[in-house]
Structures are given as C-alpha cells and as structure tokens.
Amino acid sequence: MRRNRVGLILLALGCAEPTASSPRPAAPTIVGVGQKKNSYSINAADGVVYVRLARVRGEDGEPIRAFMQRMFESADSAGARRLVIDLRSISGGDARLLVPLIKGILARDRFEQNGGLSLVVGPHSFSPGQHAATLLQRYAHPTFVRN
C-alpha cells in the first residue's frame, strides 16, 4: 500500500500546476445548490467539512488549486476530523485539476481513518468526479453515498 501511495503522489506531483502560495486561511464560503461555484462549509462542533465541487475548470473565477488550499487551511485551523466531498455537480473539465484535492487528503491521515472521508456521487457525476472517486477509493478508502 505504501508503494501505491508513493506512486500516486509522484503522479500527482508530475501533473500538478506550479503554485505560489502564501498561507492565509479564509472564512468558508457557503454557496446555494443552484449555483455553479465550488463551496465548502465547516461544522466546528462535529469536526466535519462539507465540500461541494461544481467546477474543476480553471478558466474563470478562483483556480481549483487555490480553492483547495483555502479549504484545507480552514479545515486544519478548525481541527476537522471528517471530510464530505459532493462530486454530483461536476459536469466536465480536466481531471488533472483535482490533483490538489487528492494530495490534500493523502497528506492528512485523519481523513483516511475509518469514516474520515465520504464521497457523495450520483447518476450525473461525470468524468472528473468519477476519476477522483476512483483514485480516492483506491488510496483513501472513503465511504460512498449515492444520491
């Protein structure tokens, strides 16, 4: 298993875009279901982060790597123990842009623990969401919720 993880990390690093970052955790953004923006919210009492991914394209708005960095920094600051990722709204895009999500989860053992990661999928989840779910199933052992 350790060798598989190292291989995935090397693959992810090879596909990742270079990032220049300055740590600045931001307050979580909560976006309505009908909107087409990535969003997350943190329930500090339960230690749960809910992430809704709607776009993996980097064409407009906040790049996915910046969104993921902001979300993981906020989750770390809040001491979150569980991560719920809603992949139902992703309608296309480049699956390589999900590398920051996968790297962020694999860098935090608490999300790999039993029950630490849940993926929400549905009949309209398209290729980037399917790729992320497949890789996370193999390396992080999430609980799947079909809706």
N, C-alpha and C. Protein backbone atom coordinates (compact mmCIF):
# COMPACT_ATOMS: atom_id res chain seq x y z
N MET A 1 0.82 -1.18 0.00
CA MET A 1 0.00 0.00 0.00
C MET A 1 0.87 1.25 0.00
N ARG A 2 1.97 1.20 0.72
CA ARG A 2 2.87 2.36 0.80
C ARG A 2 3.43 2.69 -0.58
N ARG A 3 3.77 1.65 -1.35
CA ARG A 3 4.32 1.86 -2.69
C ARG A 3 3.27 2.47 -3.60
N ASN A 4 2.01 2.03 -3.49
CA ASN A 4 0.93 2.61 -4.30
C ASN A 4 0.76 4.09 -3.99
N ARG A 5 0.84 4.44 -2.71
CA ARG A 5 0.67 5.83 -2.31
C ARG A 5 1.81 6.68 -2.85
N VAL A 6 3.02 6.17 -2.78
CA VAL A 6 4.17 6.91 -3.29
C VAL A 6 4.02 7.10 -4.80
N GLY A 7 3.57 6.07 -5.51
CA GLY A 7 3.35 6.18 -6.95
C GLY A 7 2.30 7.22 -7.28
N LEU A 8 1.21 7.24 -6.51
CA LEU A 8 0.16 8.22 -6.74
C LEU A 8 0.67 9.63 -6.47
N ILE A 9 1.42 9.79 -5.42
CA ILE A 9 1.94 11.11 -5.09
C ILE A 9 2.89 11.60 -6.18
N LEU A 10 3.74 10.71 -6.67
CA LEU A 10 4.65 11.10 -7.76
C LEU A 10 3.88 11.46 -9.02
N LEU A 11 2.83 10.69 -9.33
CA LEU A 11 1.99 11.01 -10.48
C LEU A 11 1.31 12.36 -10.28
N ALA A 12 0.79 12.58 -9.09
CA ALA A 12 0.10 13.84 -8.81
C ALA A 12 1.06 15.02 -8.92
N LEU A 13 2.25 14.86 -8.40
CA LEU A 13 3.21 15.95 -8.47
C LEU A 13 3.62 16.24 -9.91
N GLY A 14 3.67 15.21 -10.73
CA GLY A 14 4.02 15.41 -12.13
C GLY A 14 2.93 16.12 -12.91
N CYS A 15 1.68 15.96 -12.48
CA CYS A 15 0.56 16.59 -13.18
C CYS A 15 0.17 17.94 -12.59
N ALA A 16 0.64 18.22 -11.40
CA ALA A 16 0.20 19.44 -10.71
C ALA A 16 0.78 20.68 -11.37
N GLU A 17 0.00 21.73 -11.30
CA GLU A 17 0.48 23.01 -11.77
C GLU A 17 1.33 23.64 -10.68
N PRO A 18 2.35 24.39 -11.05
CA PRO A 18 3.14 25.04 -10.02
C PRO A 18 2.29 26.05 -9.26
N THR A 19 2.53 26.12 -7.97
CA THR A 19 1.73 27.04 -7.17
C THR A 19 2.65 27.92 -6.35
N ALA A 20 2.30 29.16 -6.31
CA ALA A 20 2.95 30.09 -5.41
C ALA A 20 1.90 30.43 -4.37
N SER A 21 2.20 30.14 -3.14
CA SER A 21 1.16 30.33 -2.14
C SER A 21 1.68 31.07 -0.93
N SER A 22 0.79 31.83 -0.38
CA SER A 22 1.07 32.46 0.88
C SER A 22 -0.05 32.06 1.82
N PRO A 23 0.27 31.49 2.97
CA PRO A 23 -0.79 30.98 3.84
C PRO A 23 -1.69 32.12 4.32
N ARG A 24 -2.95 31.97 4.04
CA ARG A 24 -3.93 32.92 4.53
C ARG A 24 -5.29 32.24 4.57
N PRO A 25 -5.58 31.50 5.64
CA PRO A 25 -6.85 30.82 5.73
C PRO A 25 -7.99 31.84 5.65
N ALA A 26 -8.98 31.50 4.89
CA ALA A 26 -10.12 32.39 4.74
C ALA A 26 -11.35 31.76 5.35
N ALA A 27 -12.32 32.57 5.60
CA ALA A 27 -13.58 32.07 6.13
C ALA A 27 -14.26 31.22 5.07
N PRO A 28 -14.93 30.14 5.47
CA PRO A 28 -15.59 29.28 4.50
C PRO A 28 -16.70 30.03 3.76
N THR A 29 -16.89 29.61 2.52
CA THR A 29 -17.94 30.18 1.69
C THR A 29 -19.03 29.14 1.56
N ILE A 30 -20.26 29.56 1.73
CA ILE A 30 -21.39 28.66 1.55
C ILE A 30 -22.18 29.17 0.35
N VAL A 31 -22.32 28.30 -0.65
CA VAL A 31 -22.99 28.69 -1.88
C VAL A 31 -24.21 27.81 -2.04
N GLY A 32 -25.29 28.39 -2.52
CA GLY A 32 -26.53 27.66 -2.72
C GLY A 32 -26.38 26.55 -3.74
N VAL A 33 -27.27 25.56 -3.66
CA VAL A 33 -27.19 24.38 -4.51
C VAL A 33 -27.32 24.73 -5.98
N GLY A 34 -28.10 25.72 -6.35
CA GLY A 34 -28.32 26.04 -7.74
C GLY A 34 -27.17 26.76 -8.41
N GLN A 35 -26.19 27.21 -7.65
CA GLN A 35 -25.09 27.96 -8.22
C GLN A 35 -24.00 27.02 -8.70
N LYS A 36 -23.18 27.52 -9.61
CA LYS A 36 -22.12 26.72 -10.22
C LYS A 36 -20.75 27.11 -9.69
N LYS A 37 -20.61 27.22 -8.40
CA LYS A 37 -19.33 27.56 -7.80
C LYS A 37 -18.94 26.49 -6.80
N ASN A 38 -17.65 26.32 -6.63
CA ASN A 38 -17.16 25.43 -5.59
C ASN A 38 -17.42 26.11 -4.26
N SER A 39 -17.76 25.32 -3.26
CA SER A 39 -18.03 25.89 -1.95
C SER A 39 -17.67 24.88 -0.87
N TYR A 40 -17.52 25.37 0.34
CA TYR A 40 -17.35 24.48 1.48
C TYR A 40 -17.89 25.16 2.71
N SER A 41 -18.22 24.32 3.68
CA SER A 41 -18.64 24.82 4.98
C SER A 41 -18.06 23.89 6.03
N ILE A 42 -17.83 24.43 7.21
CA ILE A 42 -17.25 23.65 8.30
C ILE A 42 -18.18 23.70 9.49
N ASN A 43 -18.52 22.52 9.99
CA ASN A 43 -19.29 22.42 11.22
C ASN A 43 -18.28 22.13 12.33
N ALA A 44 -17.84 23.16 13.02
CA ALA A 44 -16.78 23.02 14.02
C ALA A 44 -17.21 22.10 15.17
N ALA A 45 -18.49 22.11 15.52
CA ALA A 45 -18.96 21.28 16.63
C ALA A 45 -18.79 19.79 16.33
N ASP A 46 -19.03 19.40 15.07
CA ASP A 46 -18.90 17.99 14.68
C ASP A 46 -17.56 17.67 14.04
N GLY A 47 -16.78 18.70 13.72
CA GLY A 47 -15.49 18.48 13.06
C GLY A 47 -15.63 17.98 11.65
N VAL A 48 -16.69 18.44 10.94
CA VAL A 48 -16.97 17.97 9.59
C VAL A 48 -16.84 19.13 8.60
N VAL A 49 -16.15 18.86 7.49
CA VAL A 49 -16.06 19.80 6.39
C VAL A 49 -16.89 19.23 5.26
N TYR A 50 -17.81 20.05 4.74
CA TYR A 50 -18.62 19.65 3.59
C TYR A 50 -18.14 20.47 2.39
N VAL A 51 -17.68 19.77 1.34
CA VAL A 51 -17.16 20.43 0.15
C VAL A 51 -18.06 20.07 -1.03
N ARG A 52 -18.52 21.09 -1.72
CA ARG A 52 -19.32 20.89 -2.93
C ARG A 52 -18.49 21.37 -4.11
N LEU A 53 -18.13 20.44 -4.98
CA LEU A 53 -17.35 20.78 -6.18
C LEU A 53 -18.30 20.88 -7.37
N ALA A 54 -18.27 22.02 -8.02
CA ALA A 54 -19.10 22.23 -9.19
C ALA A 54 -18.26 22.43 -10.44
N ARG A 55 -17.03 22.91 -10.26
CA ARG A 55 -16.16 23.19 -11.40
C ARG A 55 -14.75 22.72 -11.11
N VAL A 56 -14.14 22.11 -12.10
CA VAL A 56 -12.71 21.80 -11.99
C VAL A 56 -11.95 22.53 -13.07
N ARG A 57 -12.66 23.31 -13.83
CA ARG A 57 -12.01 24.13 -14.87
C ARG A 57 -11.32 25.31 -14.22
N GLY A 58 -10.24 25.74 -14.79
CA GLY A 58 -9.53 26.87 -14.26
C GLY A 58 -9.77 28.15 -15.05
N GLU A 59 -10.77 28.15 -15.96
CA GLU A 59 -10.93 29.29 -16.86
C GLU A 59 -11.42 30.57 -16.19
N ASP A 60 -12.33 30.45 -15.28
CA ASP A 60 -12.88 31.67 -14.69
C ASP A 60 -12.97 31.51 -13.17
N GLY A 61 -12.91 32.60 -12.51
CA GLY A 61 -13.03 32.56 -11.06
C GLY A 61 -11.76 32.04 -10.41
N GLU A 62 -11.92 31.52 -9.22
CA GLU A 62 -10.80 31.04 -8.43
C GLU A 62 -10.28 29.70 -8.97
N PRO A 63 -8.98 29.59 -9.20
CA PRO A 63 -8.42 28.30 -9.65
C PRO A 63 -8.68 27.21 -8.60
N ILE A 64 -8.87 25.99 -9.07
CA ILE A 64 -9.19 24.89 -8.16
C ILE A 64 -8.09 24.69 -7.12
N ARG A 65 -6.84 24.88 -7.49
CA ARG A 65 -5.75 24.68 -6.53
C ARG A 65 -5.83 25.71 -5.41
N ALA A 66 -6.21 26.96 -5.73
CA ALA A 66 -6.35 27.99 -4.71
C ALA A 66 -7.54 27.69 -3.80
N PHE A 67 -8.64 27.21 -4.40
CA PHE A 67 -9.81 26.84 -3.60
C PHE A 67 -9.47 25.71 -2.64
N MET A 68 -8.78 24.67 -3.15
CA MET A 68 -8.42 23.53 -2.30
C MET A 68 -7.47 23.95 -1.17
N GLN A 69 -6.51 24.77 -1.49
CA GLN A 69 -5.57 25.24 -0.47
C GLN A 69 -6.32 26.00 0.63
N ARG A 70 -7.22 26.88 0.22
CA ARG A 70 -8.00 27.66 1.18
C ARG A 70 -8.88 26.75 2.03
N MET A 71 -9.53 25.76 1.39
CA MET A 71 -10.40 24.84 2.11
C MET A 71 -9.60 24.01 3.12
N PHE A 72 -8.46 23.43 2.69
CA PHE A 72 -7.68 22.60 3.61
C PHE A 72 -7.08 23.42 4.75
N GLU A 73 -6.66 24.65 4.48
CA GLU A 73 -6.14 25.51 5.55
C GLU A 73 -7.23 25.81 6.58
N SER A 74 -8.44 26.07 6.11
CA SER A 74 -9.55 26.31 7.01
C SER A 74 -9.90 25.05 7.80
N ALA A 75 -9.90 23.90 7.13
CA ALA A 75 -10.19 22.63 7.81
C ALA A 75 -9.15 22.33 8.87
N ASP A 76 -7.88 22.57 8.55
CA ASP A 76 -6.81 22.34 9.53
C ASP A 76 -6.97 23.29 10.73
N SER A 77 -7.27 24.54 10.45
CA SER A 77 -7.44 25.53 11.52
C SER A 77 -8.60 25.16 12.45
N ALA A 78 -9.65 24.58 11.88
CA ALA A 78 -10.83 24.20 12.66
C ALA A 78 -10.66 22.84 13.33
N GLY A 79 -9.59 22.12 13.02
CA GLY A 79 -9.38 20.79 13.59
C GLY A 79 -10.37 19.76 13.06
N ALA A 80 -10.79 19.91 11.82
CA ALA A 80 -11.78 18.99 11.23
C ALA A 80 -11.24 17.57 11.20
N ARG A 81 -12.15 16.62 11.50
CA ARG A 81 -11.78 15.20 11.53
C ARG A 81 -12.44 14.41 10.40
N ARG A 82 -13.48 14.99 9.81
CA ARG A 82 -14.20 14.30 8.73
C ARG A 82 -14.34 15.24 7.54
N LEU A 83 -14.32 14.64 6.35
CA LEU A 83 -14.43 15.39 5.11
C LEU A 83 -15.50 14.73 4.25
N VAL A 84 -16.49 15.50 3.84
CA VAL A 84 -17.54 15.02 2.95
C VAL A 84 -17.40 15.81 1.65
N ILE A 85 -17.20 15.10 0.55
CA ILE A 85 -17.00 15.75 -0.74
C ILE A 85 -18.15 15.37 -1.66
N ASP A 86 -18.87 16.38 -2.11
CA ASP A 86 -20.00 16.20 -3.01
C ASP A 86 -19.51 16.36 -4.44
N LEU A 87 -19.49 15.26 -5.19
CA LEU A 87 -18.99 15.25 -6.57
C LEU A 87 -20.12 15.29 -7.60
N ARG A 88 -21.36 15.45 -7.15
CA ARG A 88 -22.50 15.35 -8.07
C ARG A 88 -22.60 16.47 -9.08
N SER A 89 -22.07 17.63 -8.79
CA SER A 89 -22.27 18.78 -9.67
C SER A 89 -21.17 18.99 -10.70
N ILE A 90 -20.13 18.18 -10.67
CA ILE A 90 -19.04 18.35 -11.64
C ILE A 90 -19.54 17.85 -12.99
N SER A 91 -19.54 18.74 -13.97
CA SER A 91 -20.09 18.37 -15.28
C SER A 91 -19.02 18.24 -16.36
N GLY A 92 -17.78 18.36 -16.01
CA GLY A 92 -16.72 18.21 -17.00
C GLY A 92 -15.50 18.98 -16.58
N GLY A 93 -14.51 18.96 -17.42
CA GLY A 93 -13.28 19.67 -17.12
C GLY A 93 -12.10 18.70 -17.14
N ASP A 94 -10.98 19.20 -16.77
CA ASP A 94 -9.73 18.45 -16.79
C ASP A 94 -9.53 17.77 -15.44
N ALA A 95 -9.51 16.45 -15.41
CA ALA A 95 -9.38 15.71 -14.16
C ALA A 95 -8.07 15.99 -13.45
N ARG A 96 -7.03 16.43 -14.17
CA ARG A 96 -5.75 16.75 -13.52
C ARG A 96 -5.90 17.87 -12.50
N LEU A 97 -6.92 18.70 -12.68
CA LEU A 97 -7.11 19.81 -11.75
C LEU A 97 -7.60 19.34 -10.38
N LEU A 98 -7.97 18.06 -10.26
CA LEU A 98 -8.37 17.52 -8.97
C LEU A 98 -7.17 17.03 -8.16
N VAL A 99 -5.99 17.14 -8.71
CA VAL A 99 -4.77 16.71 -8.01
C VAL A 99 -4.64 17.38 -6.65
N PRO A 100 -4.91 18.69 -6.50
CA PRO A 100 -4.80 19.31 -5.17
C PRO A 100 -5.74 18.69 -4.14
N LEU A 101 -6.91 18.22 -4.57
CA LEU A 101 -7.83 17.55 -3.65
C LEU A 101 -7.23 16.25 -3.17
N ILE A 102 -6.76 15.45 -4.09
CA ILE A 102 -6.21 14.13 -3.75
C ILE A 102 -4.96 14.28 -2.90
N LYS A 103 -4.07 15.20 -3.27
CA LYS A 103 -2.85 15.43 -2.48
C LYS A 103 -3.21 15.90 -1.08
N GLY A 104 -4.19 16.80 -0.96
CA GLY A 104 -4.59 17.32 0.34
C GLY A 104 -5.14 16.24 1.26
N ILE A 105 -5.91 15.33 0.71
CA ILE A 105 -6.48 14.24 1.52
C ILE A 105 -5.38 13.28 1.96
N LEU A 106 -4.51 12.90 1.02
CA LEU A 106 -3.46 11.94 1.35
C LEU A 106 -2.43 12.52 2.33
N ALA A 107 -2.34 13.84 2.40
CA ALA A 107 -1.41 14.48 3.33
C ALA A 107 -1.98 14.54 4.75
N ARG A 108 -3.26 14.18 4.92
CA ARG A 108 -3.91 14.28 6.22
C ARG A 108 -4.47 12.91 6.60
N ASP A 109 -3.75 12.19 7.43
CA ASP A 109 -4.14 10.83 7.81
C ASP A 109 -5.52 10.77 8.44
N ARG A 110 -5.94 11.83 9.11
CA ARG A 110 -7.23 11.79 9.81
C ARG A 110 -8.39 11.59 8.83
N PHE A 111 -8.23 12.00 7.58
CA PHE A 111 -9.29 11.80 6.60
C PHE A 111 -9.25 10.39 6.00
N GLU A 112 -8.14 9.70 6.19
CA GLU A 112 -8.04 8.33 5.69
C GLU A 112 -8.52 7.30 6.72
N GLN A 113 -8.68 7.74 7.95
CA GLN A 113 -9.16 6.84 9.01
C GLN A 113 -10.58 6.39 8.68
N ASN A 114 -11.02 5.32 9.30
CA ASN A 114 -12.35 4.78 9.06
C ASN A 114 -13.42 5.84 9.32
N GLY A 115 -14.17 6.18 8.29
CA GLY A 115 -15.23 7.17 8.42
C GLY A 115 -14.77 8.60 8.26
N GLY A 116 -13.50 8.82 8.00
CA GLY A 116 -12.99 10.18 7.87
C GLY A 116 -13.27 10.85 6.55
N LEU A 117 -13.60 10.06 5.53
CA LEU A 117 -13.85 10.61 4.20
C LEU A 117 -15.09 9.98 3.60
N SER A 118 -16.01 10.83 3.16
CA SER A 118 -17.22 10.37 2.48
C SER A 118 -17.31 11.09 1.14
N LEU A 119 -17.71 10.36 0.11
CA LEU A 119 -17.89 10.93 -1.22
C LEU A 119 -19.35 10.79 -1.61
N VAL A 120 -19.96 11.89 -2.01
CA VAL A 120 -21.34 11.88 -2.47
C VAL A 120 -21.31 11.86 -3.99
N VAL A 121 -21.88 10.83 -4.58
CA VAL A 121 -21.92 10.67 -6.03
C VAL A 121 -23.36 10.47 -6.47
N GLY A 122 -23.60 10.68 -7.76
CA GLY A 122 -24.94 10.50 -8.29
C GLY A 122 -24.88 10.07 -9.73
N PRO A 123 -26.03 9.86 -10.33
CA PRO A 123 -26.07 9.37 -11.71
C PRO A 123 -25.54 10.37 -12.73
N HIS A 124 -25.41 11.63 -12.35
CA HIS A 124 -24.94 12.65 -13.29
C HIS A 124 -23.50 13.08 -13.01
N SER A 125 -22.78 12.34 -12.18
CA SER A 125 -21.37 12.64 -11.93
C SER A 125 -20.59 12.26 -13.18
N PHE A 126 -19.85 13.23 -13.74
CA PHE A 126 -19.12 12.99 -14.98
C PHE A 126 -17.65 12.72 -14.72
N SER A 127 -16.88 12.60 -15.76
CA SER A 127 -15.53 12.06 -15.71
C SER A 127 -14.60 12.62 -14.63
N PRO A 128 -14.43 13.92 -14.43
CA PRO A 128 -13.50 14.33 -13.36
C PRO A 128 -13.95 13.83 -11.99
N GLY A 129 -15.24 13.86 -11.72
CA GLY A 129 -15.75 13.35 -10.46
C GLY A 129 -15.54 11.84 -10.34
N GLN A 130 -15.74 11.13 -11.44
CA GLN A 130 -15.53 9.68 -11.45
C GLN A 130 -14.06 9.35 -11.24
N HIS A 131 -13.17 10.10 -11.89
CA HIS A 131 -11.74 9.85 -11.71
C HIS A 131 -11.32 10.10 -10.27
N ALA A 132 -11.79 11.19 -9.69
CA ALA A 132 -11.45 11.49 -8.30
C ALA A 132 -11.98 10.39 -7.38
N ALA A 133 -13.21 9.96 -7.60
CA ALA A 133 -13.80 8.91 -6.76
C ALA A 133 -13.01 7.61 -6.88
N THR A 134 -12.60 7.26 -8.09
CA THR A 134 -11.84 6.03 -8.30
C THR A 134 -10.49 6.08 -7.60
N LEU A 135 -9.77 7.18 -7.76
CA LEU A 135 -8.46 7.31 -7.11
C LEU A 135 -8.59 7.34 -5.58
N LEU A 136 -9.58 8.07 -5.10
CA LEU A 136 -9.76 8.13 -3.64
C LEU A 136 -10.21 6.78 -3.08
N GLN A 137 -11.01 6.05 -3.85
CA GLN A 137 -11.41 4.71 -3.40
C GLN A 137 -10.19 3.81 -3.26
N ARG A 138 -9.29 3.93 -4.18
CA ARG A 138 -8.10 3.08 -4.16
C ARG A 138 -7.12 3.44 -3.04
N TYR A 139 -6.95 4.73 -2.78
CA TYR A 139 -5.89 5.16 -1.86
C TYR A 139 -6.37 5.69 -0.52
N ALA A 140 -7.62 6.12 -0.41
CA ALA A 140 -8.07 6.72 0.85
C ALA A 140 -9.26 6.00 1.48
N HIS A 141 -9.84 5.05 0.80
CA HIS A 141 -10.91 4.20 1.32
C HIS A 141 -12.09 4.99 1.89
N PRO A 142 -12.75 5.80 1.04
CA PRO A 142 -13.88 6.59 1.52
C PRO A 142 -15.15 5.75 1.66
N THR A 143 -16.12 6.33 2.32
CA THR A 143 -17.48 5.79 2.35
C THR A 143 -18.22 6.48 1.20
N PHE A 144 -18.91 5.73 0.38
CA PHE A 144 -19.67 6.31 -0.73
C PHE A 144 -21.11 6.51 -0.35
N VAL A 145 -21.64 7.65 -0.71
CA VAL A 145 -23.05 7.96 -0.51
C VAL A 145 -23.61 8.26 -1.89
N ARG A 146 -24.57 7.46 -2.33
CA ARG A 146 -25.16 7.67 -3.65
C ARG A 146 -26.47 8.41 -3.47
N ASN A 147 -26.59 9.50 -4.21
CA ASN A 147 -27.81 10.30 -4.10
C ASN A 147 -28.17 10.83 -5.47
